[in-house]
Structures are given as C-alpha cells and as structure tokens.
PDB file of N, CA and C in Angstrom:
ATOM      1  N   UNK A   1       0.832  -1.185   0.000  1.00  0.00           N
ATOM      2  CA  UNK A   1       0.000   0.000   0.000  1.00  0.00           C
ATOM      3  C   UNK A   1       0.875   1.246   0.000  1.00  0.00           C
ATOM      4  N   UNK A   2       0.322   2.296  -0.528  1.00  0.00           N
ATOM      5  CA  UNK A   2       1.038   3.557  -0.471  1.00  0.00           C
ATOM      6  C   UNK A   2       0.920   4.129   0.933  1.00  0.00           C
ATOM      7  N   UNK A   3       1.821   5.032   1.290  1.00  0.00           N
ATOM      8  CA  UNK A   3       1.787   5.606   2.633  1.00  0.00           C
ATOM      9  C   UNK A   3       0.862   6.808   2.724  1.00  0.00           C
ATOM     10  N   UNK A   4       0.346   7.254   1.612  1.00  0.00           N
ATOM     11  CA  UNK A   4      -0.497   8.434   1.592  1.00  0.00           C
ATOM     12  C   UNK A   4      -1.968   8.039   1.479  1.00  0.00           C
ATOM     13  N   UNK A   5      -2.444   7.298   2.484  1.00  0.00           N
ATOM     14  CA  UNK A   5      -3.823   6.832   2.452  1.00  0.00           C
ATOM     15  C   UNK A   5      -4.379   6.796   3.862  1.00  0.00           C
ATOM     16  N   UNK A   6      -5.682   6.613   3.952  1.00  0.00           N
ATOM     17  CA  UNK A   6      -6.311   6.343   5.235  1.00  0.00           C
ATOM     18  C   UNK A   6      -7.453   5.360   5.013  1.00  0.00           C
ATOM     19  N   UNK A   7      -7.739   4.590   6.047  1.00  0.00           N
ATOM     20  CA  UNK A   7      -8.804   3.591   5.985  1.00  0.00           C
ATOM     21  C   UNK A   7     -10.119   4.274   6.357  1.00  0.00           C
ATOM     22  N   UNK A   8     -11.113   4.156   5.490  1.00  0.00           N
ATOM     23  CA  UNK A   8     -12.425   4.733   5.764  1.00  0.00           C
ATOM     24  C   UNK A   8     -13.482   3.643   5.701  1.00  0.00           C
ATOM     25  N   UNK A   9     -14.476   3.754   6.575  1.00  0.00           N
ATOM     26  CA  UNK A   9     -15.599   2.821   6.509  1.00  0.00           C
ATOM     27  C   UNK A   9     -16.459   3.197   5.308  1.00  0.00           C
ATOM     28  N   UNK A  10     -17.313   2.284   4.892  1.00  0.00           N
ATOM     29  CA  UNK A  10     -18.175   2.545   3.733  1.00  0.00           C
ATOM     30  C   UNK A  10     -19.049   3.778   3.945  1.00  0.00           C
ATOM     31  N   UNK A  11     -19.491   4.013   5.173  1.00  0.00           N
ATOM     32  CA  UNK A  11     -20.331   5.175   5.458  1.00  0.00           C
ATOM     33  C   UNK A  11     -19.578   6.487   5.231  1.00  0.00           C
ATOM     34  N   UNK A  12     -18.261   6.467   5.369  1.00  0.00           N
ATOM     35  CA  UNK A  12     -17.445   7.671   5.207  1.00  0.00           C
ATOM     36  C   UNK A  12     -16.991   7.899   3.767  1.00  0.00           C
ATOM     37  N   UNK A  13     -17.027   6.870   2.954  1.00  0.00           N
ATOM     38  CA  UNK A  13     -16.539   6.963   1.577  1.00  0.00           C
ATOM     39  C   UNK A  13     -17.606   7.609   0.696  1.00  0.00           C
ATOM     40  N   UNK A  14     -17.171   8.507  -0.170  1.00  0.00           N
ATOM     41  CA  UNK A  14     -18.064   9.211  -1.096  1.00  0.00           C
ATOM     42  C   UNK A  14     -17.634   8.943  -2.536  1.00  0.00           C
ATOM     43  N   UNK A  15     -18.586   9.000  -3.475  1.00  0.00           N
ATOM     44  CA  UNK A  15     -18.214   8.869  -4.890  1.00  0.00           C
ATOM     45  C   UNK A  15     -17.196   9.945  -5.264  1.00  0.00           C
ATOM     46  N   UNK A  16     -16.238   9.564  -6.086  1.00  0.00           N
ATOM     47  CA  UNK A  16     -15.182  10.482  -6.496  1.00  0.00           C
ATOM     48  C   UNK A  16     -13.887  10.268  -5.737  1.00  0.00           C
ATOM     49  N   UNK A  17     -13.955   9.570  -4.594  1.00  0.00           N
ATOM     50  CA  UNK A  17     -12.728   9.252  -3.863  1.00  0.00           C
ATOM     51  C   UNK A  17     -11.961   8.185  -4.624  1.00  0.00           C
ATOM     52  N   UNK A  18     -10.645   8.116  -4.383  1.00  0.00           N
ATOM     53  CA  UNK A  18      -9.769   7.236  -5.151  1.00  0.00           C
ATOM     54  C   UNK A  18      -9.151   6.180  -4.235  1.00  0.00           C
ATOM     55  N   UNK A  19      -9.160   4.928  -4.708  1.00  0.00           N
ATOM     56  CA  UNK A  19      -8.528   3.840  -3.959  1.00  0.00           C
ATOM     57  C   UNK A  19      -7.014   4.011  -3.972  1.00  0.00           C
ATOM     58  N   UNK A  20      -6.394   3.821  -2.824  1.00  0.00           N
ATOM     59  CA  UNK A  20      -4.940   3.935  -2.749  1.00  0.00           C
ATOM     60  C   UNK A  20      -4.250   2.612  -3.032  1.00  0.00           C
ATOM     61  N   UNK A  21      -5.007   1.523  -3.060  1.00  0.00           N
ATOM     62  CA  UNK A  21      -4.423   0.206  -3.272  1.00  0.00           C
ATOM     63  C   UNK A  21      -5.440  -0.676  -3.988  1.00  0.00           C
ATOM     64  N   UNK A  22      -4.982  -1.819  -4.443  1.00  0.00           N
ATOM     65  CA  UNK A  22      -5.869  -2.800  -5.069  1.00  0.00           C
ATOM     66  C   UNK A  22      -6.883  -3.249  -4.029  1.00  0.00           C
ATOM     67  N   UNK A  23      -8.147  -3.361  -4.424  1.00  0.00           N
ATOM     68  CA  UNK A  23      -9.191  -3.820  -3.512  1.00  0.00           C
ATOM     69  C   UNK A  23      -9.467  -5.292  -3.781  1.00  0.00           C
ATOM     70  N   UNK A  24      -9.301  -6.105  -2.743  1.00  0.00           N
ATOM     71  CA  UNK A  24      -9.510  -7.548  -2.849  1.00  0.00           C
ATOM     72  C   UNK A  24     -10.734  -7.951  -2.047  1.00  0.00           C
ATOM     73  N   UNK A  25     -11.431  -9.015  -2.513  1.00  0.00           N
ATOM     74  CA  UNK A  25     -12.540  -9.537  -1.726  1.00  0.00           C
ATOM     75  C   UNK A  25     -12.000 -10.538  -0.712  1.00  0.00           C
ATOM     76  N   UNK A  26     -12.889 -11.204   0.036  1.00  0.00           N
ATOM     77  CA  UNK A  26     -12.447 -12.104   1.107  1.00  0.00           C
ATOM     78  C   UNK A  26     -11.693 -13.318   0.575  1.00  0.00           C
ATOM     79  N   UNK A  27     -11.908 -13.697  -0.685  1.00  0.00           N
ATOM     80  CA  UNK A  27     -11.181 -14.819  -1.280  1.00  0.00           C
ATOM     81  C   UNK A  27      -9.859 -14.396  -1.914  1.00  0.00           C
ATOM     82  N   UNK A  28      -9.582 -13.097  -1.941  1.00  0.00           N
ATOM     83  CA  UNK A  28      -8.348 -12.607  -2.534  1.00  0.00           C
ATOM     84  C   UNK A  28      -8.462 -12.245  -4.000  1.00  0.00           C
ATOM     85  N   UNK A  29      -9.681 -12.224  -4.542  1.00  0.00           N
ATOM     86  CA  UNK A  29      -9.884 -11.832  -5.935  1.00  0.00           C
ATOM     87  C   UNK A  29      -9.861 -10.309  -6.042  1.00  0.00           C
ATOM     88  N   UNK A  30      -9.277  -9.812  -7.115  1.00  0.00           N
ATOM     89  CA  UNK A  30      -9.212  -8.368  -7.338  1.00  0.00           C
ATOM     90  C   UNK A  30     -10.595  -7.865  -7.730  1.00  0.00           C
ATOM     91  N   UNK A  31     -11.104  -6.922  -6.940  1.00  0.00           N
ATOM     92  CA  UNK A  31     -12.381  -6.289  -7.261  1.00  0.00           C
ATOM     93  C   UNK A  31     -12.165  -5.003  -8.050  1.00  0.00           C
ATOM     94  N   UNK A  32     -11.218  -4.186  -7.591  1.00  0.00           N
ATOM     95  CA  UNK A  32     -10.922  -2.920  -8.254  1.00  0.00           C
ATOM     96  C   UNK A  32      -9.417  -2.659  -8.194  1.00  0.00           C
ATOM     97  N   UNK A  33      -8.839  -2.117  -9.267  1.00  0.00           N
ATOM     98  CA  UNK A  33      -7.397  -1.835  -9.260  1.00  0.00           C
ATOM     99  C   UNK A  33      -7.072  -0.563  -8.477  1.00  0.00           C
ATOM    100  N   UNK A  34      -5.807  -0.418  -8.149  1.00  0.00           N
ATOM    101  CA  UNK A  34      -5.324   0.783  -7.473  1.00  0.00           C
ATOM    102  C   UNK A  34      -5.592   1.990  -8.359  1.00  0.00           C
ATOM    103  N   UNK A  35      -5.991   3.094  -7.741  1.00  0.00           N
ATOM    104  CA  UNK A  35      -6.228   4.321  -8.487  1.00  0.00           C
ATOM    105  C   UNK A  35      -7.630   4.457  -9.040  1.00  0.00           C
ATOM    106  N   UNK A  36      -8.516   3.524  -8.732  1.00  0.00           N
ATOM    107  CA  UNK A  36      -9.885   3.584  -9.227  1.00  0.00           C
ATOM    108  C   UNK A  36     -10.643   4.720  -8.551  1.00  0.00           C
ATOM    109  N   UNK A  37     -11.328   5.534  -9.346  1.00  0.00           N
ATOM    110  CA  UNK A  37     -12.214   6.555  -8.808  1.00  0.00           C
ATOM    111  C   UNK A  37     -13.553   5.889  -8.539  1.00  0.00           C
ATOM    112  N   UNK A  38     -13.975   5.924  -7.298  1.00  0.00           N
ATOM    113  CA  UNK A  38     -15.178   5.205  -6.887  1.00  0.00           C
ATOM    114  C   UNK A  38     -16.446   5.921  -7.338  1.00  0.00           C
ATOM    115  N   UNK A  39     -17.441   5.133  -7.734  1.00  0.00           N
ATOM    116  CA  UNK A  39     -18.752   5.647  -8.109  1.00  0.00           C
ATOM    117  C   UNK A  39     -19.780   5.127  -7.112  1.00  0.00           C
ATOM    118  N   UNK A  40     -20.989   5.683  -7.176  1.00  0.00           N
ATOM    119  CA  UNK A  40     -22.063   5.202  -6.299  1.00  0.00           C
ATOM    120  C   UNK A  40     -22.345   3.730  -6.555  1.00  0.00           C
ATOM    121  N   UNK A  41     -22.311   3.327  -7.816  1.00  0.00           N
ATOM    122  CA  UNK A  41     -22.588   1.928  -8.158  1.00  0.00           C
ATOM    123  C   UNK A  41     -21.557   0.999  -7.528  1.00  0.00           C
ATOM    124  N   UNK A  42     -20.300   1.392  -7.570  1.00  0.00           N
ATOM    125  CA  UNK A  42     -19.243   0.570  -6.969  1.00  0.00           C
ATOM    126  C   UNK A  42     -19.437   0.464  -5.460  1.00  0.00           C
ATOM    127  N   UNK A  43     -19.742   1.593  -4.827  1.00  0.00           N
ATOM    128  CA  UNK A  43     -19.918   1.598  -3.374  1.00  0.00           C
ATOM    129  C   UNK A  43     -21.128   0.775  -2.953  1.00  0.00           C
ATOM    130  N   UNK A  44     -22.167   0.772  -3.770  1.00  0.00           N
ATOM    131  CA  UNK A  44     -23.366  -0.002  -3.438  1.00  0.00           C
ATOM    132  C   UNK A  44     -23.089  -1.501  -3.438  1.00  0.00           C
ATOM    133  N   UNK A  45     -22.105  -1.948  -4.222  1.00  0.00           N
ATOM    134  CA  UNK A  45     -21.797  -3.377  -4.312  1.00  0.00           C
ATOM    135  C   UNK A  45     -20.812  -3.864  -3.252  1.00  0.00           C
ATOM    136  N   UNK A  46     -20.195  -2.971  -2.509  1.00  0.00           N
ATOM    137  CA  UNK A  46     -19.175  -3.374  -1.533  1.00  0.00           C
ATOM    138  C   UNK A  46     -19.688  -4.337  -0.459  1.00  0.00           C
ATOM    139  N   UNK A  47     -20.838  -4.081   0.176  1.00  0.00           N
ATOM    140  CA  UNK A  47     -21.300  -5.019   1.216  1.00  0.00           C
ATOM    141  C   UNK A  47     -21.528  -6.428   0.671  1.00  0.00           C
ATOM    142  N   UNK A  48     -21.937  -6.520  -0.555  1.00  0.00           N
ATOM    143  CA  UNK A  48     -22.167  -7.827  -1.186  1.00  0.00           C
ATOM    144  C   UNK A  48     -20.881  -8.656  -1.246  1.00  0.00           C
ATOM    145  N   UNK A  49     -19.751  -7.977  -1.319  1.00  0.00           N
ATOM    146  CA  UNK A  49     -18.453  -8.656  -1.387  1.00  0.00           C
ATOM    147  C   UNK A  49     -17.751  -8.709  -0.030  1.00  0.00           C
ATOM    148  N   UNK A  50     -18.430  -8.316   1.025  1.00  0.00           N
ATOM    149  CA  UNK A  50     -17.849  -8.377   2.360  1.00  0.00           C
ATOM    150  C   UNK A  50     -16.854  -7.275   2.653  1.00  0.00           C
ATOM    151  N   UNK A  51     -16.945  -6.162   1.941  1.00  0.00           N
ATOM    152  CA  UNK A  51     -16.021  -5.041   2.131  1.00  0.00           C
ATOM    153  C   UNK A  51     -16.656  -4.041   3.099  1.00  0.00           C
ATOM    154  N   UNK A  52     -15.975  -3.735   4.194  1.00  0.00           N
ATOM    155  CA  UNK A  52     -16.479  -2.779   5.182  1.00  0.00           C
ATOM    156  C   UNK A  52     -15.599  -1.535   5.275  1.00  0.00           C
ATOM    157  N   UNK A  53     -14.318  -1.665   4.908  1.00  0.00           N
ATOM    158  CA  UNK A  53     -13.351  -0.571   5.014  1.00  0.00           C
ATOM    159  C   UNK A  53     -12.575  -0.487   3.702  1.00  0.00           C
ATOM    160  N   UNK A  54     -12.313   0.748   3.257  1.00  0.00           N
ATOM    161  CA  UNK A  54     -11.587   0.953   2.002  1.00  0.00           C
ATOM    162  C   UNK A  54     -10.346   1.810   2.228  1.00  0.00           C
ATOM    163  N   UNK A  55      -9.236   1.496   1.531  1.00  0.00           N
ATOM    164  CA  UNK A  55      -8.049   2.357   1.584  1.00  0.00           C
ATOM    165  C   UNK A  55      -8.206   3.498   0.576  1.00  0.00           C
ATOM    166  N   UNK A  56      -8.306   4.721   1.066  1.00  0.00           N
ATOM    167  CA  UNK A  56      -8.586   5.882   0.224  1.00  0.00           C
ATOM    168  C   UNK A  56      -7.391   6.830   0.241  1.00  0.00           C
ATOM    169  N   UNK A  57      -7.049   7.379  -0.931  1.00  0.00           N
ATOM    170  CA  UNK A  57      -5.982   8.383  -1.017  1.00  0.00           C
ATOM    171  C   UNK A  57      -6.357   9.609  -0.196  1.00  0.00           C
ATOM    172  N   UNK A  58      -5.363  10.231   0.434  1.00  0.00           N
ATOM    173  CA  UNK A  58      -5.624  11.418   1.247  1.00  0.00           C
ATOM    174  C   UNK A  58      -5.906  12.648   0.398  1.00  0.00           C
ATOM    175  N   UNK A  59      -5.272  12.743  -0.774  1.00  0.00           N
ATOM    176  CA  UNK A  59      -5.524  13.903  -1.623  1.00  0.00           C
ATOM    177  C   UNK A  59      -6.928  13.809  -2.194  1.00  0.00           C
ATOM    178  N   UNK A  60      -7.553  14.954  -2.281  1.00  0.00           N
ATOM    179  CA  UNK A  60      -8.874  14.974  -2.878  1.00  0.00           C
ATOM    180  C   UNK A  60      -8.726  15.052  -4.395  1.00  0.00           C
ATOM    181  N   UNK A  61      -9.631  14.423  -5.072  1.00  0.00           N
ATOM    182  CA  UNK A  61      -9.639  14.447  -6.526  1.00  0.00           C
ATOM    183  C   UNK A  61     -10.388  15.697  -6.970  1.00  0.00           C
ATOM    184  N   UNK A  62      -9.779  16.434  -7.858  1.00  0.00           N
ATOM    185  CA  UNK A  62     -10.416  17.658  -8.334  1.00  0.00           C
ATOM    186  C   UNK A  62     -11.613  17.309  -9.215  1.00  0.00           C
ATOM    187  N   UNK A  63     -12.595  18.185  -9.263  1.00  0.00           N
ATOM    188  CA  UNK A  63     -13.749  17.936 -10.138  1.00  0.00           C
ATOM    189  C   UNK A  63     -13.340  17.781 -11.603  1.00  0.00           C
ATOM    190  N   UNK A  64     -12.275  18.483 -11.997  1.00  0.00           N
ATOM    191  CA  UNK A  64     -11.797  18.366 -13.373  1.00  0.00           C
ATOM    192  C   UNK A  64     -11.279  16.958 -13.643  1.00  0.00           C
ATOM    193  N   UNK A  65     -10.593  16.371 -12.657  1.00  0.00           N
ATOM    194  CA  UNK A  65     -10.079  15.006 -12.823  1.00  0.00           C
ATOM    195  C   UNK A  65     -11.222  14.001 -12.898  1.00  0.00           C
ATOM    196  N   UNK A  66     -12.261  14.213 -12.095  1.00  0.00           N
ATOM    197  CA  UNK A  66     -13.429  13.322 -12.142  1.00  0.00           C
ATOM    198  C   UNK A  66     -14.095  13.428 -13.508  1.00  0.00           C
ATOM    199  N   UNK A  67     -14.250  14.656 -14.005  1.00  0.00           N
ATOM    200  CA  UNK A  67     -14.864  14.843 -15.320  1.00  0.00           C
ATOM    201  C   UNK A  67     -14.000  14.233 -16.419  1.00  0.00           C
ATOM    202  N   UNK A  68     -12.689  14.344 -16.287  1.00  0.00           N
ATOM    203  CA  UNK A  68     -11.794  13.745 -17.280  1.00  0.00           C
ATOM    204  C   UNK A  68     -11.914  12.228 -17.266  1.00  0.00           C
ATOM    205  N   UNK A  69     -12.035  11.642 -16.078  1.00  0.00           N
ATOM    206  CA  UNK A  69     -12.200  10.191 -15.967  1.00  0.00           C
ATOM    207  C   UNK A  69     -13.520   9.757 -16.583  1.00  0.00           C
ATOM    208  N   UNK A  70     -14.590  10.489 -16.284  1.00  0.00           N
ATOM    209  CA  UNK A  70     -15.890  10.161 -16.877  1.00  0.00           C
ATOM    210  C   UNK A  70     -15.844  10.287 -18.400  1.00  0.00           C
ATOM    211  N   UNK A  71     -15.188  11.339 -18.896  1.00  0.00           N
ATOM    212  CA  UNK A  71     -15.066  11.510 -20.346  1.00  0.00           C
ATOM    213  C   UNK A  71     -14.271  10.361 -20.960  1.00  0.00           C
ATOM    214  N   UNK A  72     -13.220   9.924 -20.261  1.00  0.00           N
ATOM    215  CA  UNK A  72     -12.430   8.787 -20.740  1.00  0.00           C
ATOM    216  C   UNK A  72     -13.292   7.528 -20.800  1.00  0.00           C
ATOM    217  N   UNK A  73     -14.068   7.284 -19.745  1.00  0.00           N
ATOM    218  CA  UNK A  73     -14.938   6.103 -19.729  1.00  0.00           C
ATOM    219  C   UNK A  73     -15.999   6.178 -20.831  1.00  0.00           C
ATOM    220  N   UNK A  74     -16.568   7.364 -21.037  1.00  0.00           N
ATOM    221  CA  UNK A  74     -17.563   7.534 -22.098  1.00  0.00           C
ATOM    222  C   UNK A  74     -16.957   7.228 -23.464  1.00  0.00           C
ATOM    223  N   UNK A  75     -15.757   7.742 -23.707  1.00  0.00           N
ATOM    224  CA  UNK A  75     -15.090   7.496 -24.988  1.00  0.00           C
ATOM    225  C   UNK A  75     -14.772   6.016 -25.161  1.00  0.00           C
ATOM    226  N   UNK A  76     -14.346   5.372 -24.091  1.00  0.00           N
ATOM    227  CA  UNK A  76     -14.017   3.943 -24.155  1.00  0.00           C
ATOM    228  C   UNK A  76     -15.266   3.116 -24.433  1.00  0.00           C
ATOM    229  N   UNK A  77     -16.370   3.437 -23.777  1.00  0.00           N
ATOM    230  CA  UNK A  77     -17.625   2.716 -24.009  1.00  0.00           C
ATOM    231  C   UNK A  77     -18.088   2.929 -25.446  1.00  0.00           C
ATOM    232  N   UNK A  78     -17.988   4.163 -25.938  1.00  0.00           N
ATOM    233  CA  UNK A  78     -18.373   4.440 -27.327  1.00  0.00           C
ATOM    234  C   UNK A  78     -17.518   3.631 -28.293  1.00  0.00           C
ATOM    235  N   UNK A  79     -16.224   3.500 -27.997  1.00  0.00           N
ATOM    236  CA  UNK A  79     -15.340   2.713 -28.858  1.00  0.00           C
ATOM    237  C   UNK A  79     -15.693   1.228 -28.798  1.00  0.00           C
ATOM    238  N   UNK A  80     -15.906   0.716 -27.602  1.00  0.00           N
ATOM    239  CA  UNK A  80     -16.212  -0.715 -27.456  1.00  0.00           C
ATOM    240  C   UNK A  80     -17.507  -1.107 -28.163  1.00  0.00           C
ATOM    241  N   UNK A  81     -18.487  -0.208 -28.137  1.00  0.00           N
ATOM    242  CA  UNK A  81     -19.791  -0.514 -28.717  1.00  0.00           C
ATOM    243  C   UNK A  81     -20.034   0.279 -30.002  1.00  0.00           C
ATOM    244  N   UNK A  82     -18.963   0.589 -30.737  1.00  0.00           N
ATOM    245  CA  UNK A  82     -19.071   1.411 -31.942  1.00  0.00           C
ATOM    246  C   UNK A  82     -19.911   0.776 -33.044  1.00  0.00           C
ATOM    247  N   UNK A  83     -20.023  -0.546 -33.066  1.00  0.00           N
ATOM    248  CA  UNK A  83     -20.804  -1.223 -34.109  1.00  0.00           C
ATOM    249  C   UNK A  83     -22.239  -1.487 -33.682  1.00  0.00           C
ATOM    250  N   UNK A  84     -22.589  -1.065 -32.475  1.00  0.00           N
ATOM    251  CA  UNK A  84     -23.934  -1.288 -31.960  1.00  0.00           C
ATOM    252  C   UNK A  84     -24.728   0.003 -32.025  1.00  0.00           C
ATOM    253  N   UNK A  85     -25.930  -0.073 -32.594  1.00  0.00           N
ATOM    254  CA  UNK A  85     -26.823   1.074 -32.635  1.00  0.00           C
ATOM    255  C   UNK A  85     -27.683   1.051 -31.371  1.00  0.00           C
ATOM    256  N   UNK A  86     -27.508   2.012 -30.459  1.00  0.00           N
ATOM    257  CA  UNK A  86     -28.265   1.967 -29.210  1.00  0.00           C
ATOM    258  C   UNK A  86     -29.770   2.137 -29.402  1.00  0.00           C
ATOM    259  N   UNK A  87     -30.193   2.672 -30.553  1.00  0.00           N
ATOM    260  CA  UNK A  87     -31.620   2.867 -30.811  1.00  0.00           C
ATOM    261  C   UNK A  87     -32.272   1.665 -31.475  1.00  0.00           C
ATOM    262  N   UNK A  88     -31.482   0.681 -31.868  1.00  0.00           N
ATOM    263  CA  UNK A  88     -32.011  -0.504 -32.543  1.00  0.00           C
ATOM    264  C   UNK A  88     -32.445  -1.550 -31.520  1.00  0.00           C
ATOM    265  N   UNK A  89     -33.600  -2.171 -31.777  1.00  0.00           N
ATOM    266  CA  UNK A  89     -34.093  -3.237 -30.902  1.00  0.00           C
ATOM    267  C   UNK A  89     -33.663  -4.609 -31.389  1.00  0.00           C
ATOM    268  N   UNK A  90     -32.930  -4.680 -32.493  1.00  0.00           N
ATOM    269  CA  UNK A  90     -32.578  -5.980 -33.066  1.00  0.00           C
ATOM    270  C   UNK A  90     -31.508  -6.708 -32.260  1.00  0.00           C
ATOM    271  N   UNK A  91     -30.620  -5.985 -31.600  1.00  0.00           N
ATOM    272  CA  UNK A  91     -29.547  -6.617 -30.831  1.00  0.00           C
ATOM    273  C   UNK A  91     -29.709  -6.245 -29.358  1.00  0.00           C
ATOM    274  N   UNK A  92     -30.713  -6.820 -28.721  1.00  0.00           N
ATOM    275  CA  UNK A  92     -31.034  -6.478 -27.338  1.00  0.00           C
ATOM    276  C   UNK A  92     -29.932  -6.889 -26.361  1.00  0.00           C
ATOM    277  N   UNK A  93     -29.227  -7.989 -26.659  1.00  0.00           N
ATOM    278  CA  UNK A  93     -28.193  -8.471 -25.735  1.00  0.00           C
ATOM    279  C   UNK A  93     -27.032  -7.474 -25.654  1.00  0.00           C
ATOM    280  N   UNK A  94     -26.603  -6.956 -26.796  1.00  0.00           N
ATOM    281  CA  UNK A  94     -25.512  -5.982 -26.799  1.00  0.00           C
ATOM    282  C   UNK A  94     -25.963  -4.678 -26.155  1.00  0.00           C
ATOM    283  N   UNK A  95     -27.209  -4.286 -26.406  1.00  0.00           N
ATOM    284  CA  UNK A  95     -27.732  -3.070 -25.780  1.00  0.00           C
ATOM    285  C   UNK A  95     -27.775  -3.215 -24.259  1.00  0.00           C
ATOM    286  N   UNK A  96     -28.152  -4.391 -23.783  1.00  0.00           N
ATOM    287  CA  UNK A  96     -28.185  -4.640 -22.344  1.00  0.00           C
ATOM    288  C   UNK A  96     -26.777  -4.622 -21.753  1.00  0.00           C
ATOM    289  N   UNK A  97     -25.832  -5.239 -22.455  1.00  0.00           N
ATOM    290  CA  UNK A  97     -24.441  -5.228 -22.000  1.00  0.00           C
ATOM    291  C   UNK A  97     -23.908  -3.800 -21.951  1.00  0.00           C
ATOM    292  N   UNK A  98     -24.216  -3.017 -22.974  1.00  0.00           N
ATOM    293  CA  UNK A  98     -23.773  -1.618 -23.003  1.00  0.00           C
ATOM    294  C   UNK A  98     -24.332  -0.861 -21.799  1.00  0.00           C
ATOM    295  N   UNK A  99     -25.590  -1.118 -21.479  1.00  0.00           N
ATOM    296  CA  UNK A  99     -26.202  -0.440 -20.334  1.00  0.00           C
ATOM    297  C   UNK A  99     -25.513  -0.835 -19.031  1.00  0.00           C
ATOM    298  N   UNK A 100     -25.242  -2.127 -18.845  1.00  0.00           N
ATOM    299  CA  UNK A 100     -24.568  -2.579 -17.627  1.00  0.00           C
ATOM    300  C   UNK A 100     -23.165  -1.976 -17.508  1.00  0.00           C
ATOM    301  N   UNK A 101     -22.427  -1.958 -18.614  1.00  0.00           N
ATOM    302  CA  UNK A 101     -21.076  -1.383 -18.595  1.00  0.00           C
ATOM    303  C   UNK A 101     -21.150   0.112 -18.292  1.00  0.00           C
ATOM    304  N   UNK A 102     -22.105   0.799 -18.909  1.00  0.00           N
ATOM    305  CA  UNK A 102     -22.265   2.235 -18.659  1.00  0.00           C
ATOM    306  C   UNK A 102     -22.635   2.503 -17.204  1.00  0.00           C
ATOM    307  N   UNK A 103     -23.560   1.717 -16.666  1.00  0.00           N
ATOM    308  CA  UNK A 103     -23.942   1.887 -15.260  1.00  0.00           C
ATOM    309  C   UNK A 103     -22.759   1.658 -14.337  1.00  0.00           C
ATOM    310  N   UNK A 104     -21.933   0.653 -14.643  1.00  0.00           N
ATOM    311  CA  UNK A 104     -20.784   0.349 -13.794  1.00  0.00           C
ATOM    312  C   UNK A 104     -19.733   1.445 -13.876  1.00  0.00           C
ATOM    313  N   UNK A 105     -19.394   1.875 -15.082  1.00  0.00           N
ATOM    314  CA  UNK A 105     -18.316   2.848 -15.265  1.00  0.00           C
ATOM    315  C   UNK A 105     -18.730   4.281 -14.954  1.00  0.00           C
ATOM    316  N   UNK A 106     -19.969   4.641 -15.302  1.00  0.00           N
ATOM    317  CA  UNK A 106     -20.395   6.027 -15.154  1.00  0.00           C
ATOM    318  C   UNK A 106     -21.331   6.244 -13.978  1.00  0.00           C
ATOM    319  N   UNK A 107     -21.892   5.170 -13.444  1.00  0.00           N
ATOM    320  CA  UNK A 107     -22.912   5.277 -12.412  1.00  0.00           C
ATOM    321  C   UNK A 107     -24.268   5.372 -13.080  1.00  0.00           C
ATOM    322  N   UNK A 108     -25.321   4.924 -12.413  1.00  0.00           N
ATOM    323  CA  UNK A 108     -26.641   4.878 -13.052  1.00  0.00           C
ATOM    324  C   UNK A 108     -27.167   6.242 -13.492  1.00  0.00           C
ATOM    325  N   UNK A 109     -26.939   7.300 -12.705  1.00  0.00           N
ATOM    326  CA  UNK A 109     -27.458   8.609 -13.079  1.00  0.00           C
ATOM    327  C   UNK A 109     -26.743   9.160 -14.302  1.00  0.00           C
ATOM    328  N   UNK A 110     -25.412   9.092 -14.312  1.00  0.00           N
ATOM    329  CA  UNK A 110     -24.650   9.622 -15.432  1.00  0.00           C
ATOM    330  C   UNK A 110     -24.898   8.809 -16.699  1.00  0.00           C
ATOM    331  N   UNK A 111     -25.030   7.497 -16.561  1.00  0.00           N
ATOM    332  CA  UNK A 111     -25.254   6.644 -17.722  1.00  0.00           C
ATOM    333  C   UNK A 111     -26.589   6.970 -18.370  1.00  0.00           C
ATOM    334  N   UNK A 112     -27.609   7.237 -17.565  1.00  0.00           N
ATOM    335  CA  UNK A 112     -28.925   7.563 -18.107  1.00  0.00           C
ATOM    336  C   UNK A 112     -28.888   8.891 -18.867  1.00  0.00           C
ATOM    337  N   UNK A 113     -28.072   9.829 -18.411  1.00  0.00           N
ATOM    338  CA  UNK A 113     -27.954  11.120 -19.082  1.00  0.00           C
ATOM    339  C   UNK A 113     -27.277  11.010 -20.438  1.00  0.00           C
ATOM    340  N   UNK A 114     -26.405  10.012 -20.618  1.00  0.00           N
ATOM    341  CA  UNK A 114     -25.618   9.896 -21.843  1.00  0.00           C
ATOM    342  C   UNK A 114     -26.229   8.943 -22.850  1.00  0.00           C
ATOM    343  N   UNK A 115     -27.404   8.409 -22.569  1.00  0.00           N
ATOM    344  CA  UNK A 115     -28.043   7.480 -23.527  1.00  0.00           C
ATOM    345  C   UNK A 115     -28.882   8.224 -24.522  1.00  0.00           C
TER     346      UNK A 115
END
C-alpha cells in the first residue's frame, strides 16, 4: 500500500474518492485496481463482497479530474460498442451489455444522461 492513504468505513466513503491500493474480496480476488475513482454503483456493491473498510488516497480528486475520468470512460464505451446502434431493438443483448457497462463505469445517473 502507499503511505499516503487512510482507511475509511463505507459510510465515510463518497463517490469520487480514489482507492490507494488494489481492492480484494475475502477470497483474494481483485475487485478494483489501485487508483480507481469510486462511483455510487461501486460503493453499493461493496457489502455484497464483504467489504467494510476501504483504503482511500488522502488527496482529494479535483472535479476536473473526475470529469476527465468520466469523459475517458464515455469514450471507451463508445469505442467498445461502436458497431452497436443503441436505438435498434434488433440486438437487445448488446444493448443490455452496453447499459450494464455504462452503469458500472459512469454510475446509473450519469449513464442515463448519456443514452
């Protein structure tokens, strides 16, 4: 772990905070890599994986950095699903996958705004 972190309970963690280390579940599987900017969707899934405390960087993430990360995720999702027409009902499975990926990366509120 880096030395510039503090342990916060889930109640203290807010979306936009950054993990200071790799987050592992109780079996040792990687849930999130170091440097991940947390979203509401990610935080909502933590209790399901037995996570009660998170290692968070002490520096606050600027709103510009959060927006840059969201823009990066949006561009990546657009690239991954470039051959899928989101308005077409013919490929429902890909549309559903796109929605799940968008919800995970952008959070449910932001993903709904970008559809």
